Amino acid sequence: MSSPDFTLYATTAIFLYIIGLYGIVVRRNMIRTIIGLEIVTAGVNLNFLTFTILNKDLLPLAQYFVVISIVIGAAVASLALMIVIQAYRHYGSIDLKKMSRLRW
């Protein structure tokens, strides 16, 4: 396989997206929800890079977008984990069903 296979990368990106959405929708644990969000972000980043196989001129632009997305994703994940820590301190649990109140 000398050239990158578009369908393999696109299928992997879709697979990551589905796994991440499953983790966000089905899981009640806040940390697993954050992990699902990061998996969705990884699938979207892979999808950006996958479509540069069709047009090589877009490769630098896609790489810039992916790097910026990774940095923003790291910031979002750190903020979300800080919210999880505060919610655990207040409620004593990180289960989303137990936190039905939106007041502190």
Protein backbone atom coordinates (compact mmCIF):
# COMPACT_ATOMS: atom_id res chain seq x y z
CA MET A 1 0.00 0.00 0.00
CA SER A 2 2.09 2.89 -1.26
CA SER A 3 -0.58 5.61 -1.16
CA PRO A 4 -2.85 6.30 1.81
CA ASP A 5 -6.19 4.58 1.56
CA PHE A 6 -9.01 7.13 1.76
CA THR A 7 -11.72 4.65 2.69
CA LEU A 8 -9.69 3.17 5.55
CA TYR A 9 -9.10 6.57 7.15
CA ALA A 10 -12.67 7.75 6.54
CA THR A 11 -14.07 4.53 8.05
CA THR A 12 -11.81 4.89 11.07
CA ALA A 13 -12.93 8.51 11.54
CA ILE A 14 -16.59 7.50 11.38
CA PHE A 15 -15.92 4.63 13.79
CA LEU A 16 -14.26 7.02 16.27
CA TYR A 17 -17.15 9.45 15.90
CA ILE A 18 -19.73 6.72 16.64
CA ILE A 19 -17.80 5.44 19.66
CA GLY A 20 -17.50 8.97 21.03
CA LEU A 21 -21.20 9.69 20.56
CA TYR A 22 -22.02 6.42 22.31
CA GLY A 23 -19.80 7.46 25.21
CA ILE A 24 -21.49 10.85 25.44
CA VAL A 25 -25.09 9.68 25.15
CA VAL A 26 -25.15 6.39 27.06
CA ARG A 27 -22.66 6.82 29.89
CA ARG A 28 -23.76 8.53 33.10
CA ASN A 29 -20.26 9.09 34.45
CA MET A 30 -18.97 12.62 33.85
CA ILE A 31 -15.39 11.55 33.20
CA ARG A 32 -16.47 8.98 30.63
CA THR A 33 -18.56 11.68 28.96
CA ILE A 34 -15.47 13.89 28.69
CA ILE A 35 -13.51 10.98 27.25
CA GLY A 36 -16.30 10.43 24.71
CA LEU A 37 -16.08 14.09 23.73
CA GLU A 38 -12.34 13.78 23.18
CA ILE A 39 -12.86 10.66 21.04
CA VAL A 40 -15.33 12.60 18.88
CA THR A 41 -12.74 15.36 18.53
CA ALA A 42 -10.13 12.81 17.45
CA GLY A 43 -12.54 11.47 14.82
CA VAL A 44 -13.21 14.96 13.47
CA ASN A 45 -9.46 15.71 13.33
CA LEU A 46 -8.82 12.47 11.47
CA ASN A 47 -11.62 13.36 9.08
CA PHE A 48 -9.98 16.74 8.37
CA LEU A 49 -6.73 15.01 7.51
CA THR A 50 -8.46 12.27 5.54
CA PHE A 51 -9.96 14.66 3.03
CA THR A 52 -6.54 16.09 2.24
CA ILE A 53 -5.80 12.81 0.47
CA LEU A 54 -8.15 13.98 -2.30
CA ASN A 55 -6.52 17.42 -2.62
CA LYS A 56 -2.88 17.72 -1.53
CA ASP A 57 -2.99 21.53 -1.67
CA LEU A 58 -5.18 21.60 1.45
CA LEU A 59 -2.74 19.62 3.61
CA PRO A 60 -1.07 22.59 5.38
CA LEU A 61 -4.42 24.22 6.08
CA ALA A 62 -5.85 20.98 7.48
CA GLN A 63 -2.78 20.49 9.65
CA TYR A 64 -3.18 24.00 11.08
CA PHE A 65 -6.83 23.33 11.85
CA VAL A 66 -6.00 20.04 13.54
CA VAL A 67 -3.26 21.57 15.69
CA ILE A 68 -5.57 24.39 16.77
CA SER A 69 -8.33 21.85 17.46
CA ILE A 70 -6.00 19.77 19.62
CA VAL A 71 -4.99 22.83 21.66
CA ILE A 72 -8.61 23.93 22.12
CA GLY A 73 -9.60 20.34 22.97
CA ALA A 74 -6.93 20.19 25.68
CA ALA A 75 -8.20 23.44 27.17
CA VAL A 76 -11.82 22.23 27.07
CA ALA A 77 -10.87 18.91 28.67
CA SER A 78 -8.97 20.63 31.48
CA LEU A 79 -11.88 22.98 32.18
CA ALA A 80 -14.35 20.09 32.09
CA LEU A 81 -12.23 18.11 34.54
CA MET A 82 -12.11 21.10 36.87
CA ILE A 83 -15.91 21.23 36.73
CA VAL A 84 -16.01 17.50 37.51
CA ILE A 85 -13.79 18.05 40.56
CA GLN A 86 -16.02 20.85 41.81
CA ALA A 87 -19.17 18.80 41.20
CA TYR A 88 -17.65 15.87 43.11
CA ARG A 89 -16.78 18.13 46.02
CA HIS A 90 -20.30 19.53 46.12
CA TYR A 91 -22.44 16.46 45.34
CA GLY A 92 -20.11 13.65 46.42
CA SER A 93 -20.65 11.83 43.13
CA ILE A 94 -19.84 12.22 39.43
CA ASP A 95 -22.98 10.46 38.26
CA LEU A 96 -24.97 12.70 35.92
CA LYS A 97 -28.34 11.30 37.03
CA LYS A 98 -27.69 12.20 40.67
CA MET A 99 -27.06 15.81 39.72
CA SER A 100 -30.53 16.75 38.60
CA ARG A 101 -30.35 20.17 40.22
CA LEU A 102 -28.57 22.94 38.35
CA ARG A 103 -28.13 25.12 41.43
CA TRP A 104 -25.09 25.18 43.65
